[in-house]
PDB file of N, CA and C in Angstrom:
ATOM      1  N   MET A   1      69.316  26.586 115.727  1.00  0.00           N
ATOM      2  CA  MET A   1      69.659  27.721 116.532  1.00  0.00           C
ATOM      3  C   MET A   1      70.713  28.594 115.876  1.00  0.00           C
ATOM      4  N   LYS A   2      71.703  27.944 115.262  1.00  0.00           N
ATOM      5  CA  LYS A   2      72.747  28.730 114.636  1.00  0.00           C
ATOM      6  C   LYS A   2      72.189  29.580 113.513  1.00  0.00           C
ATOM      7  N   SER A   3      71.187  29.120 112.873  1.00  0.00           N
ATOM      8  CA  SER A   3      70.609  29.865 111.765  1.00  0.00           C
ATOM      9  C   SER A   3      69.963  31.163 112.247  1.00  0.00           C
ATOM     10  N   ILE A   4      69.268  31.151 113.336  1.00  0.00           N
ATOM     11  CA  ILE A   4      68.626  32.353 113.876  1.00  0.00           C
ATOM     12  C   ILE A   4      69.697  33.323 114.376  1.00  0.00           C
ATOM     13  N   LYS A   5      70.707  32.773 115.050  1.00  0.00           N
ATOM     14  CA  LYS A   5      71.803  33.600 115.552  1.00  0.00           C
ATOM     15  C   LYS A   5      72.523  34.289 114.389  1.00  0.00           C
ATOM     16  N   THR A   6      72.751  33.586 113.332  1.00  0.00           N
ATOM     17  CA  THR A   6      73.414  34.146 112.156  1.00  0.00           C
ATOM     18  C   THR A   6      72.549  35.212 111.507  1.00  0.00           C
ATOM     19  N   LYS A   7      71.268  34.950 111.419  1.00  0.00           N
ATOM     20  CA  LYS A   7      70.353  35.928 110.818  1.00  0.00           C
ATOM     21  C   LYS A   7      70.286  37.211 111.654  1.00  0.00           C
ATOM     22  N   ILE A   8      70.232  37.069 112.969  1.00  0.00           N
ATOM     23  CA  ILE A   8      70.180  38.248 113.837  1.00  0.00           C
ATOM     24  C   ILE A   8      71.488  39.043 113.729  1.00  0.00           C
ATOM     25  N   THR A   9      72.598  38.345 113.731  1.00  0.00           N
ATOM     26  CA  THR A   9      73.902  39.011 113.604  1.00  0.00           C
ATOM     27  C   THR A   9      74.013  39.711 112.255  1.00  0.00           C
ATOM     28  N   LEU A  10      73.604  39.062 111.221  1.00  0.00           N
ATOM     29  CA  LEU A  10      73.656  39.648 109.881  1.00  0.00           C
ATOM     30  C   LEU A  10      72.735  40.860 109.780  1.00  0.00           C
ATOM     31  N   THR A  11      71.526  40.739 110.326  1.00  0.00           N
ATOM     32  CA  THR A  11      70.574  41.849 110.301  1.00  0.00           C
ATOM     33  C   THR A  11      71.109  43.035 111.100  1.00  0.00           C
ATOM     34  N   PHE A  12      71.621  42.753 112.286  1.00  0.00           N
ATOM     35  CA  PHE A  12      72.178  43.819 113.117  1.00  0.00           C
ATOM     36  C   PHE A  12      73.373  44.493 112.423  1.00  0.00           C
ATOM     37  N   SER A  13      74.211  43.696 111.814  1.00  0.00           N
ATOM     38  CA  SER A  13      75.378  44.233 111.092  1.00  0.00           C
ATOM     39  C   SER A  13      74.941  45.102 109.912  1.00  0.00           C
ATOM     40  N   LEU A  14      73.958  44.663 109.156  1.00  0.00           N
ATOM     41  CA  LEU A  14      73.465  45.452 108.026  1.00  0.00           C
ATOM     42  C   LEU A  14      72.850  46.765 108.493  1.00  0.00           C
ATOM     43  N   ILE A  15      72.094  46.702 109.608  1.00  0.00           N
ATOM     44  CA  ILE A  15      71.506  47.939 110.150  1.00  0.00           C
ATOM     45  C   ILE A  15      72.605  48.897 110.589  1.00  0.00           C
ATOM     46  N   CYS A  16      73.623  48.388 111.244  1.00  0.00           N
ATOM     47  CA  CYS A  16      74.749  49.243 111.680  1.00  0.00           C
ATOM     48  C   CYS A  16      75.486  49.842 110.480  1.00  0.00           C
ATOM     49  N   ILE A  17      75.746  49.036 109.493  1.00  0.00           N
ATOM     50  CA  ILE A  17      76.434  49.530 108.293  1.00  0.00           C
ATOM     51  C   ILE A  17      75.586  50.592 107.604  1.00  0.00           C
ATOM     52  N   PHE A  18      74.293  50.364 107.483  1.00  0.00           N
ATOM     53  CA  PHE A  18      73.392  51.332 106.867  1.00  0.00           C
ATOM     54  C   PHE A  18      73.378  52.640 107.656  1.00  0.00           C
ATOM     55  N   LEU A  19      73.286  52.556 109.012  1.00  0.00           N
ATOM     56  CA  LEU A  19      73.268  53.764 109.831  1.00  0.00           C
ATOM     57  C   LEU A  19      74.587  54.531 109.752  1.00  0.00           C
ATOM     58  N   VAL A  20      75.690  53.837 109.739  1.00  0.00           N
ATOM     59  CA  VAL A  20      76.998  54.499 109.608  1.00  0.00           C
ATOM     60  C   VAL A  20      77.113  55.161 108.230  1.00  0.00           C
ATOM     61  N   LEU A  21      76.678  54.462 107.214  1.00  0.00           N
ATOM     62  CA  LEU A  21      76.719  55.028 105.864  1.00  0.00           C
ATOM     63  C   LEU A  21      75.805  56.244 105.763  1.00  0.00           C
ATOM     64  N   PHE A  22      74.604  56.149 106.311  1.00  0.00           N
ATOM     65  CA  PHE A  22      73.655  57.262 106.283  1.00  0.00           C
ATOM     66  C   PHE A  22      74.197  58.474 107.044  1.00  0.00           C
ATOM     67  N   SER A  23      74.740  58.240 108.235  1.00  0.00           N
ATOM     68  CA  SER A  23      75.289  59.360 109.017  1.00  0.00           C
ATOM     69  C   SER A  23      76.503  59.970 108.323  1.00  0.00           C
ATOM     70  N   SER A  24      77.285  59.171 107.636  1.00  0.00           N
ATOM     71  CA  SER A  24      78.429  59.693 106.885  1.00  0.00           C
ATOM     72  C   SER A  24      77.975  60.589 105.738  1.00  0.00           C
ATOM     73  N   ILE A  25      76.962  60.166 105.038  1.00  0.00           N
ATOM     74  CA  ILE A  25      76.437  60.963 103.916  1.00  0.00           C
ATOM     75  C   ILE A  25      75.854  62.280 104.429  1.00  0.00           C
ATOM     76  N   VAL A  26      75.078  62.224 105.502  1.00  0.00           N
ATOM     77  CA  VAL A  26      74.494  63.437 106.076  1.00  0.00           C
ATOM     78  C   VAL A  26      75.599  64.378 106.554  1.00  0.00           C
ATOM     79  N   SER A  27      76.607  63.846 107.228  1.00  0.00           N
ATOM     80  CA  SER A  27      77.735  64.660 107.709  1.00  0.00           C
ATOM     81  C   SER A  27      78.484  65.302 106.546  1.00  0.00           C
ATOM     82  N   TYR A  28      78.653  64.551 105.467  1.00  0.00           N
ATOM     83  CA  TYR A  28      79.330  65.093 104.285  1.00  0.00           C
ATOM     84  C   TYR A  28      78.574  66.292 103.729  1.00  0.00           C
ATOM     85  N   PHE A  29      77.254  66.167 103.580  1.00  0.00           N
ATOM     86  CA  PHE A  29      76.478  67.269 103.013  1.00  0.00           C
ATOM     87  C   PHE A  29      76.433  68.480 103.946  1.00  0.00           C
ATOM     88  N   ILE A  30      76.357  68.236 105.249  1.00  0.00           N
ATOM     89  CA  ILE A  30      76.373  69.354 106.199  1.00  0.00           C
ATOM     90  C   ILE A  30      77.726  70.073 106.145  1.00  0.00           C
ATOM     91  N   ALA A  31      78.812  69.321 106.153  1.00  0.00           N
ATOM     92  CA  ALA A  31      80.151  69.924 106.098  1.00  0.00           C
ATOM     93  C   ALA A  31      80.372  70.636 104.769  1.00  0.00           C
ATOM     94  N   SER A  32      79.907  70.036 103.700  1.00  0.00           N
ATOM     95  CA  SER A  32      80.061  70.654 102.377  1.00  0.00           C
ATOM     96  C   SER A  32      79.327  71.987 102.309  1.00  0.00           C
ATOM     97  N   THR A  33      78.116  72.021 102.821  1.00  0.00           N
ATOM     98  CA  THR A  33      77.341  73.266 102.826  1.00  0.00           C
ATOM     99  C   THR A  33      78.012  74.328 103.688  1.00  0.00           C
ATOM    100  N   ALA A  34      78.515  73.930 104.841  1.00  0.00           N
ATOM    101  CA  ALA A  34      79.186  74.882 105.730  1.00  0.00           C
ATOM    102  C   ALA A  34      80.445  75.444 105.080  1.00  0.00           C
ATOM    103  N   ILE A  35      81.223  74.603 104.438  1.00  0.00           N
ATOM    104  CA  ILE A  35      82.450  75.055 103.765  1.00  0.00           C
ATOM    105  C   ILE A  35      82.120  75.977 102.594  1.00  0.00           C
ATOM    106  N   GLN A  36      81.101  75.646 101.830  1.00  0.00           N
ATOM    107  CA  GLN A  36      80.701  76.501 100.709  1.00  0.00           C
ATOM    108  C   GLN A  36      80.239  77.865 101.199  1.00  0.00           C
ATOM    109  N   ASN A  37      79.447  77.898 102.258  1.00  0.00           N
ATOM    110  CA  ASN A  37      78.974  79.178 102.791  1.00  0.00           C
ATOM    111  C   ASN A  37      80.130  80.014 103.318  1.00  0.00           C
ATOM    112  N   GLU A  38      81.055  79.395 104.006  1.00  0.00           N
ATOM    113  CA  GLU A  38      82.215  80.116 104.522  1.00  0.00           C
ATOM    114  C   GLU A  38      83.076  80.645 103.380  1.00  0.00           C
ATOM    115  N   SER A  39      83.269  79.836 102.357  1.00  0.00           N
ATOM    116  CA  SER A  39      84.056  80.275 101.199  1.00  0.00           C
ATOM    117  C   SER A  39      83.384  81.434 100.483  1.00  0.00           C
ATOM    118  N   LYS A  40      82.076  81.373 100.329  1.00  0.00           N
ATOM    119  CA  LYS A  40      81.341  82.463  99.677  1.00  0.00           C
ATOM    120  C   LYS A  40      81.476  83.754 100.463  1.00  0.00           C
ATOM    121  N   GLU A  41      81.405  83.658 101.791  1.00  0.00           N
ATOM    122  CA  GLU A  41      81.553  84.853 102.619  1.00  0.00           C
ATOM    123  C   GLU A  41      82.950  85.451 102.486  1.00  0.00           C
ATOM    124  N   LYS A  42      83.974  84.592 102.477  1.00  0.00           N
ATOM    125  CA  LYS A  42      85.346  85.087 102.332  1.00  0.00           C
ATOM    126  C   LYS A  42      85.564  85.726 100.969  1.00  0.00           C
ATOM    127  N   ILE A  43      85.027  85.111  99.933  1.00  0.00           N
ATOM    128  CA  ILE A  43      85.166  85.664  98.582  1.00  0.00           C
ATOM    129  C   ILE A  43      84.432  86.990  98.477  1.00  0.00           C
ATOM    130  N   LEU A  44      83.246  87.074  99.054  1.00  0.00           N
ATOM    131  CA  LEU A  44      82.473  88.313  99.031  1.00  0.00           C
ATOM    132  C   LEU A  44      83.218  89.422  99.765  1.00  0.00           C
ATOM    133  N   PHE A  45      83.773  89.116 100.919  1.00  0.00           N
ATOM    134  CA  PHE A  45      84.523  90.106 101.689  1.00  0.00           C
ATOM    135  C   PHE A  45      85.750  90.587 100.911  1.00  0.00           C
ATOM    136  N   ALA A  46      86.480  89.644 100.312  1.00  0.00           N
ATOM    137  CA  ALA A  46      87.676  90.011  99.546  1.00  0.00           C
ATOM    138  C   ALA A  46      87.304  90.850  98.328  1.00  0.00           C
ATOM    139  N   SER A  47      86.232  90.479  97.643  1.00  0.00           N
ATOM    140  CA  SER A  47      85.838  91.235  96.449  1.00  0.00           C
ATOM    141  C   SER A  47      85.374  92.637  96.818  1.00  0.00           C
ATOM    142  N   GLN A  48      84.703  92.787  97.953  1.00  0.00           N
ATOM    143  CA  GLN A  48      84.285  94.118  98.394  1.00  0.00           C
ATOM    144  C   GLN A  48      85.509  94.967  98.741  1.00  0.00           C
ATOM    145  N   LYS A  49      86.480  94.367  99.397  1.00  0.00           N
ATOM    146  CA  LYS A  49      87.700  95.082  99.766  1.00  0.00           C
ATOM    147  C   LYS A  49      88.437  95.561  98.509  1.00  0.00           C
ATOM    148  N   TYR A  50      88.605  94.666  97.540  1.00  0.00           N
ATOM    149  CA  TYR A  50      89.315  95.042  96.320  1.00  0.00           C
ATOM    150  C   TYR A  50      88.511  96.024  95.479  1.00  0.00           C
ATOM    151  N   SER A  51      87.194  95.905  95.504  1.00  0.00           N
ATOM    152  CA  SER A  51      86.385  96.856  94.730  1.00  0.00           C
ATOM    153  C   SER A  51      86.493  98.254  95.332  1.00  0.00           C
ATOM    154  N   GLU A  52      86.597  98.345  96.652  1.00  0.00           N
ATOM    155  CA  GLU A  52      86.790  99.657  97.280  1.00  0.00           C
ATOM    156  C   GLU A  52      88.139 100.249  96.900  1.00  0.00           C
ATOM    157  N   MET A  53      89.173  99.394  96.850  1.00  0.00           N
ATOM    158  CA  MET A  53      90.501  99.880  96.454  1.00  0.00           C
ATOM    159  C   MET A  53      90.483 100.371  95.007  1.00  0.00           C
ATOM    160  N   ILE A  54      89.896  99.590  94.126  1.00  0.00           N
ATOM    161  CA  ILE A  54      89.831  99.959  92.712  1.00  0.00           C
ATOM    162  C   ILE A  54      88.986 101.206  92.527  1.00  0.00           C
ATOM    163  N   ASN A  55      87.885 101.286  93.261  1.00  0.00           N
ATOM    164  CA  ASN A  55      87.026 102.465  93.178  1.00  0.00           C
ATOM    165  C   ASN A  55      87.780 103.720  93.618  1.00  0.00           C
ATOM    166  N   GLY A  56      88.601 103.586  94.657  1.00  0.00           N
ATOM    167  CA  GLY A  56      89.413 104.722  95.110  1.00  0.00           C
ATOM    168  C   GLY A  56      90.400 105.173  94.043  1.00  0.00           C
ATOM    169  N   VAL A  57      91.042 104.223  93.393  1.00  0.00           N
ATOM    170  CA  VAL A  57      91.995 104.564  92.331  1.00  0.00           C
ATOM    171  C   VAL A  57      91.271 105.243  91.175  1.00  0.00           C
ATOM    172  N   LEU A  58      90.124 104.681  90.782  1.00  0.00           N
ATOM    173  CA  LEU A  58      89.371 105.268  89.674  1.00  0.00           C
ATOM    174  C   LEU A  58      88.836 106.655  90.019  1.00  0.00           C
ATOM    175  N   ASP A  59      88.425 106.856  91.271  1.00  0.00           N
ATOM    176  CA  ASP A  59      87.971 108.183  91.687  1.00  0.00           C
ATOM    177  C   ASP A  59      89.104 109.196  91.594  1.00  0.00           C
ATOM    178  N   GLY A  60      90.297 108.781  92.014  1.00  0.00           N
ATOM    179  CA  GLY A  60      91.459 109.670  91.914  1.00  0.00           C
ATOM    180  C   GLY A  60      91.773 110.024  90.470  1.00  0.00           C
ATOM    181  N   GLN A  61      91.712 109.026  89.590  1.00  0.00           N
ATOM    182  CA  GLN A  61      91.978 109.277  88.170  1.00  0.00           C
ATOM    183  C   GLN A  61      90.894 110.177  87.572  1.00  0.00           C
ATOM    184  N   ALA A  62      89.653 109.985  87.996  1.00  0.00           N
ATOM    185  CA  ALA A  62      88.553 110.818  87.491  1.00  0.00           C
ATOM    186  C   ALA A  62      88.730 112.265  87.925  1.00  0.00           C
ATOM    187  N   LYS A  63      89.186 112.483  89.151  1.00  0.00           N
ATOM    188  CA  LYS A  63      89.421 113.852  89.619  1.00  0.00           C
ATOM    189  C   LYS A  63      90.507 114.526  88.786  1.00  0.00           C
ATOM    190  N   ILE A  64      91.572 113.780  88.510  1.00  0.00           N
ATOM    191  CA  ILE A  64      92.649 114.328  87.678  1.00  0.00           C
ATOM    192  C   ILE A  64      92.124 114.666  86.284  1.00  0.00           C
ATOM    193  N   LEU A  65      91.356 113.752  85.719  1.00  0.00           N
ATOM    194  CA  LEU A  65      90.805 113.971  84.375  1.00  0.00           C
ATOM    195  C   LEU A  65      89.855 115.158  84.352  1.00  0.00           C
ATOM    196  N   ASN A  66      89.003 115.274  85.369  1.00  0.00           N
ATOM    197  CA  ASN A  66      88.083 116.414  85.433  1.00  0.00           C
ATOM    198  C   ASN A  66      88.842 117.726  85.592  1.00  0.00           C
ATOM    199  N   GLU A  67      89.899 117.708  86.377  1.00  0.00           N
ATOM    200  CA  GLU A  67      90.709 118.918  86.554  1.00  0.00           C
ATOM    201  C   GLU A  67      91.369 119.336  85.238  1.00  0.00           C
ATOM    202  N   ILE A  68      91.916 118.357  84.535  1.00  0.00           N
ATOM    203  CA  ILE A  68      92.553 118.653  83.242  1.00  0.00           C
ATOM    204  C   ILE A  68      91.518 119.173  82.255  1.00  0.00           C
ATOM    205  N   ALA A  69      90.367 118.522  82.192  1.00  0.00           N
ATOM    206  CA  ALA A  69      89.316 118.955  81.271  1.00  0.00           C
ATOM    207  C   ALA A  69      88.842 120.359  81.613  1.00  0.00           C
ATOM    208  N   PHE A  70      88.690 120.654  82.893  1.00  0.00           N
ATOM    209  CA  PHE A  70      88.236 121.976  83.307  1.00  0.00           C
ATOM    210  C   PHE A  70      89.266 123.043  82.940  1.00  0.00           C
ATOM    211  N   ASN A  71      90.534 122.782  83.245  1.00  0.00           N
ATOM    212  CA  ASN A  71      91.577 123.778  82.977  1.00  0.00           C
ATOM    213  C   ASN A  71      91.782 124.014  81.481  1.00  0.00           C
ATOM    214  N   ILE A  72      91.757 122.952  80.692  1.00  0.00           N
ATOM    215  CA  ILE A  72      91.942 123.119  79.240  1.00  0.00           C
ATOM    216  C   ILE A  72      90.679 123.701  78.619  1.00  0.00           C
ATOM    217  N   GLY A  73      89.504 123.271  79.122  1.00  0.00           N
ATOM    218  CA  GLY A  73      88.243 123.779  78.585  1.00  0.00           C
ATOM    219  C   GLY A  73      88.039 125.259  78.846  1.00  0.00           C
ATOM    220  N   ASN A  74      88.561 125.759  79.953  1.00  0.00           N
ATOM    221  CA  ASN A  74      88.411 127.179  80.282  1.00  0.00           C
ATOM    222  C   ASN A  74      89.492 128.052  79.643  1.00  0.00           C
ATOM    223  N   ASP A  75      90.448 127.417  78.985  1.00  0.00           N
ATOM    224  CA  ASP A  75      91.512 128.174  78.324  1.00  0.00           C
ATOM    225  C   ASP A  75      90.967 128.709  76.998  1.00  0.00           C
ATOM    226  N   GLN A  76      90.740 130.009  76.957  1.00  0.00           N
ATOM    227  CA  GLN A  76      90.187 130.637  75.747  1.00  0.00           C
ATOM    228  C   GLN A  76      91.200 130.645  74.610  1.00  0.00           C
ATOM    229  N   ASN A  77      92.461 130.747  74.932  1.00  0.00           N
ATOM    230  CA  ASN A  77      93.526 130.768  73.915  1.00  0.00           C
ATOM    231  C   ASN A  77      94.130 129.369  73.832  1.00  0.00           C
ATOM    232  N   PHE A  78      93.451 128.488  73.155  1.00  0.00           N
ATOM    233  CA  PHE A  78      93.910 127.104  73.039  1.00  0.00           C
ATOM    234  C   PHE A  78      95.173 127.071  72.199  1.00  0.00           C
ATOM    235  N   ASN A  79      96.259 126.712  72.823  1.00  0.00           N
ATOM    236  CA  ASN A  79      97.553 126.638  72.168  1.00  0.00           C
ATOM    237  C   ASN A  79      98.109 125.233  72.433  1.00  0.00           C
ATOM    238  N   GLU A  80      98.445 124.528  71.374  1.00  0.00           N
ATOM    239  CA  GLU A  80      98.898 123.150  71.540  1.00  0.00           C
ATOM    240  C   GLU A  80     100.186 123.078  72.346  1.00  0.00           C
ATOM    241  N   THR A  81     101.086 124.032  72.174  1.00  0.00           N
ATOM    242  CA  THR A  81     102.358 124.015  72.900  1.00  0.00           C
ATOM    243  C   THR A  81     102.127 124.187  74.401  1.00  0.00           C
ATOM    244  N   ASP A  82     101.282 125.150  74.765  1.00  0.00           N
ATOM    245  CA  ASP A  82     100.981 125.362  76.183  1.00  0.00           C
ATOM    246  C   ASP A  82     100.232 124.162  76.772  1.00  0.00           C
ATOM    247  N   THR A  83      99.344 123.599  75.979  1.00  0.00           N
ATOM    248  CA  THR A  83      98.592 122.440  76.452  1.00  0.00           C
ATOM    249  C   THR A  83      99.516 121.248  76.665  1.00  0.00           C
ATOM    250  N   LEU A  84     100.471 121.057  75.758  1.00  0.00           N
ATOM    251  CA  LEU A  84     101.438 119.968  75.925  1.00  0.00           C
ATOM    252  C   LEU A  84     102.268 120.158  77.186  1.00  0.00           C
ATOM    253  N   SER A  85     102.717 121.385  77.422  1.00  0.00           N
ATOM    254  CA  SER A  85     103.514 121.625  78.629  1.00  0.00           C
ATOM    255  C   SER A  85     102.655 121.410  79.882  1.00  0.00           C
ATOM    256  N   TYR A  86     101.370 121.791  79.824  1.00  0.00           N
ATOM    257  CA  TYR A  86     100.465 121.557  80.941  1.00  0.00           C
ATOM    258  C   TYR A  86     100.279 120.057  81.184  1.00  0.00           C
ATOM    259  N   LEU A  87     100.097 119.291  80.098  1.00  0.00           N
ATOM    260  CA  LEU A  87      99.933 117.844  80.235  1.00  0.00           C
ATOM    261  C   LEU A  87     101.198 117.201  80.797  1.00  0.00           C
ATOM    262  N   GLU A  88     102.350 117.652  80.351  1.00  0.00           N
ATOM    263  CA  GLU A  88     103.614 117.115  80.864  1.00  0.00           C
ATOM    264  C   GLU A  88     103.757 117.418  82.355  1.00  0.00           C
ATOM    265  N   LYS A  89     103.359 118.624  82.750  1.00  0.00           N
ATOM    266  CA  LYS A  89     103.424 119.004  84.161  1.00  0.00           C
ATOM    267  C   LYS A  89     102.495 118.123  84.996  1.00  0.00           C
ATOM    268  N   LYS A  90     101.285 117.895  84.506  1.00  0.00           N
ATOM    269  CA  LYS A  90     100.323 117.049  85.218  1.00  0.00           C
ATOM    270  C   LYS A  90     100.832 115.608  85.311  1.00  0.00           C
ATOM    271  N   LEU A  91     101.521 115.167  84.285  1.00  0.00           N
ATOM    272  CA  LEU A  91     102.051 113.809  84.270  1.00  0.00           C
ATOM    273  C   LEU A  91     103.149 113.647  85.319  1.00  0.00           C
ATOM    274  N   LYS A  92     103.982 114.679  85.477  1.00  0.00           N
ATOM    275  CA  LYS A  92     105.051 114.605  86.472  1.00  0.00           C
ATOM    276  C   LYS A  92     104.500 114.662  87.895  1.00  0.00           C
ATOM    277  N   VAL A  93     103.447 115.436  88.089  1.00  0.00           N
ATOM    278  CA  VAL A  93     102.871 115.597  89.427  1.00  0.00           C
ATOM    279  C   VAL A  93     102.164 114.322  89.880  1.00  0.00           C
ATOM    280  N   ASN A  94     101.523 113.624  88.968  1.00  0.00           N
ATOM    281  CA  ASN A  94     100.739 112.429  89.294  1.00  0.00           C
ATOM    282  C   ASN A  94     101.533 111.179  88.945  1.00  0.00           C
ATOM    283  N   SER A  95     102.118 110.569  89.958  1.00  0.00           N
ATOM    284  CA  SER A  95     102.961 109.400  89.715  1.00  0.00           C
ATOM    285  C   SER A  95     102.162 108.167  89.299  1.00  0.00           C
ATOM    286  N   ASN A  96     100.873 108.136  89.593  1.00  0.00           N
ATOM    287  CA  ASN A  96     100.044 106.982  89.226  1.00  0.00           C
ATOM    288  C   ASN A  96      99.654 106.991  87.758  1.00  0.00           C
ATOM    289  N   VAL A  97      99.844 108.119  87.093  1.00  0.00           N
ATOM    290  CA  VAL A  97      99.455 108.239  85.692  1.00  0.00           C
ATOM    291  C   VAL A  97     100.694 107.996  84.835  1.00  0.00           C
ATOM    292  N   THR A  98     100.564 107.121  83.838  1.00  0.00           N
ATOM    293  CA  THR A  98     101.707 106.817  82.985  1.00  0.00           C
ATOM    294  C   THR A  98     101.734 107.658  81.717  1.00  0.00           C
ATOM    295  N   ASP A  99     100.575 108.076  81.261  1.00  0.00           N
ATOM    296  CA  ASP A  99     100.526 108.870  80.038  1.00  0.00           C
ATOM    297  C   ASP A  99      99.179 109.578  79.948  1.00  0.00           C
ATOM    298  N   ILE A 100      99.195 110.743  79.303  1.00  0.00           N
ATOM    299  CA  ILE A 100      97.964 111.508  79.095  1.00  0.00           C
ATOM    300  C   ILE A 100      97.876 111.839  77.608  1.00  0.00           C
ATOM    301  N   TYR A 101      96.783 111.461  76.995  1.00  0.00           N
ATOM    302  CA  TYR A 101      96.535 111.760  75.587  1.00  0.00           C
ATOM    303  C   TYR A 101      95.375 112.742  75.490  1.00  0.00           C
ATOM    304  N   LEU A 102      95.444 113.564  74.456  1.00  0.00           N
ATOM    305  CA  LEU A 102      94.360 114.512  74.226  1.00  0.00           C
ATOM    306  C   LEU A 102      94.158 114.615  72.724  1.00  0.00           C
ATOM    307  N   GLY A 103      92.937 114.464  72.284  1.00  0.00           N
ATOM    308  CA  GLY A 103      92.609 114.610  70.869  1.00  0.00           C
ATOM    309  C   GLY A 103      91.986 115.969  70.616  1.00  0.00           C
ATOM    310  N   THR A 104      92.365 116.597  69.536  1.00  0.00           N
ATOM    311  CA  THR A 104      91.830 117.917  69.213  1.00  0.00           C
ATOM    312  C   THR A 104      90.769 117.803  68.124  1.00  0.00           C
ATOM    313  N   ASN A 105      90.058 118.896  67.906  1.00  0.00           N
ATOM    314  CA  ASN A 105      89.055 118.915  66.836  1.00  0.00           C
ATOM    315  C   ASN A 105      89.696 118.822  65.463  1.00  0.00           C
ATOM    316  N   GLU A 106      90.946 119.242  65.370  1.00  0.00           N
ATOM    317  CA  GLU A 106      91.670 119.178  64.095  1.00  0.00           C
ATOM    318  C   GLU A 106      92.292 117.801  63.867  1.00  0.00           C
ATOM    319  N   LYS A 107      91.902 116.847  64.676  1.00  0.00           N
ATOM    320  CA  LYS A 107      92.358 115.458  64.570  1.00  0.00           C
ATOM    321  C   LYS A 107      93.856 115.319  64.834  1.00  0.00           C
ATOM    322  N   HIS A 108      94.371 116.140  65.729  1.00  0.00           N
ATOM    323  CA  HIS A 108      95.743 115.990  66.231  1.00  0.00           C
ATOM    324  C   HIS A 108      95.685 115.306  67.575  1.00  0.00           C
ATOM    325  N   MET A 109      96.690 114.505  67.838  1.00  0.00           N
ATOM    326  CA  MET A 109      96.758 113.876  69.139  1.00  0.00           C
ATOM    327  C   MET A 109      97.916 114.496  69.909  1.00  0.00           C
ATOM    328  N   LEU A 110      97.614 114.988  71.112  1.00  0.00           N
ATOM    329  CA  LEU A 110      98.639 115.550  71.976  1.00  0.00           C
ATOM    330  C   LEU A 110      98.979 114.512  73.031  1.00  0.00           C
ATOM    331  N   ASP A 111     100.255 114.242  73.182  1.00  0.00           N
ATOM    332  CA  ASP A 111     100.716 113.233  74.105  1.00  0.00           C
ATOM    333  C   ASP A 111     101.501 113.910  75.215  1.00  0.00           C
ATOM    334  N   GLY A 112     101.030 113.763  76.466  1.00  0.00           N
ATOM    335  CA  GLY A 112     101.684 114.406  77.590  1.00  0.00           C
ATOM    336  C   GLY A 112     103.035 113.823  77.921  1.00  0.00           C
ATOM    337  N   ALA A 113     103.313 112.624  77.433  1.00  0.00           N
ATOM    338  CA  ALA A 113     104.609 111.989  77.714  1.00  0.00           C
ATOM    339  C   ALA A 113     105.696 112.510  76.779  1.00  0.00           C
ATOM    340  N   GLY A 114     105.310 113.233  75.782  1.00  0.00           N
ATOM    341  CA  GLY A 114     106.327 113.814  74.887  1.00  0.00           C
ATOM    342  C   GLY A 114     106.410 113.211  73.563  1.00  0.00           C
TER     343      GLY A 114
END
């Protein structure tokens, strides 16, 4: 009799251990997938937010560059001294810009910072 009782107890214990182990593994994979999906969503949201900020800064810089190109390009009397003073003025007005360089056809470099 003790042998059957021991076998039933052992079998029941093994089944319980197997079920607990199986449910633990399934729970781990479900939680892991949920955490990964949540992390991906947070990273995507943050990257979109920062890309909009960077895009705004680049758009502002592009507008400044287009304005400078338009004003210098329409100047029929290209004078390096006047262009330098214009670049210096643009540099003072735009606090986000640290320096403005301009290359000429004569291979001179004009630096708005002086």
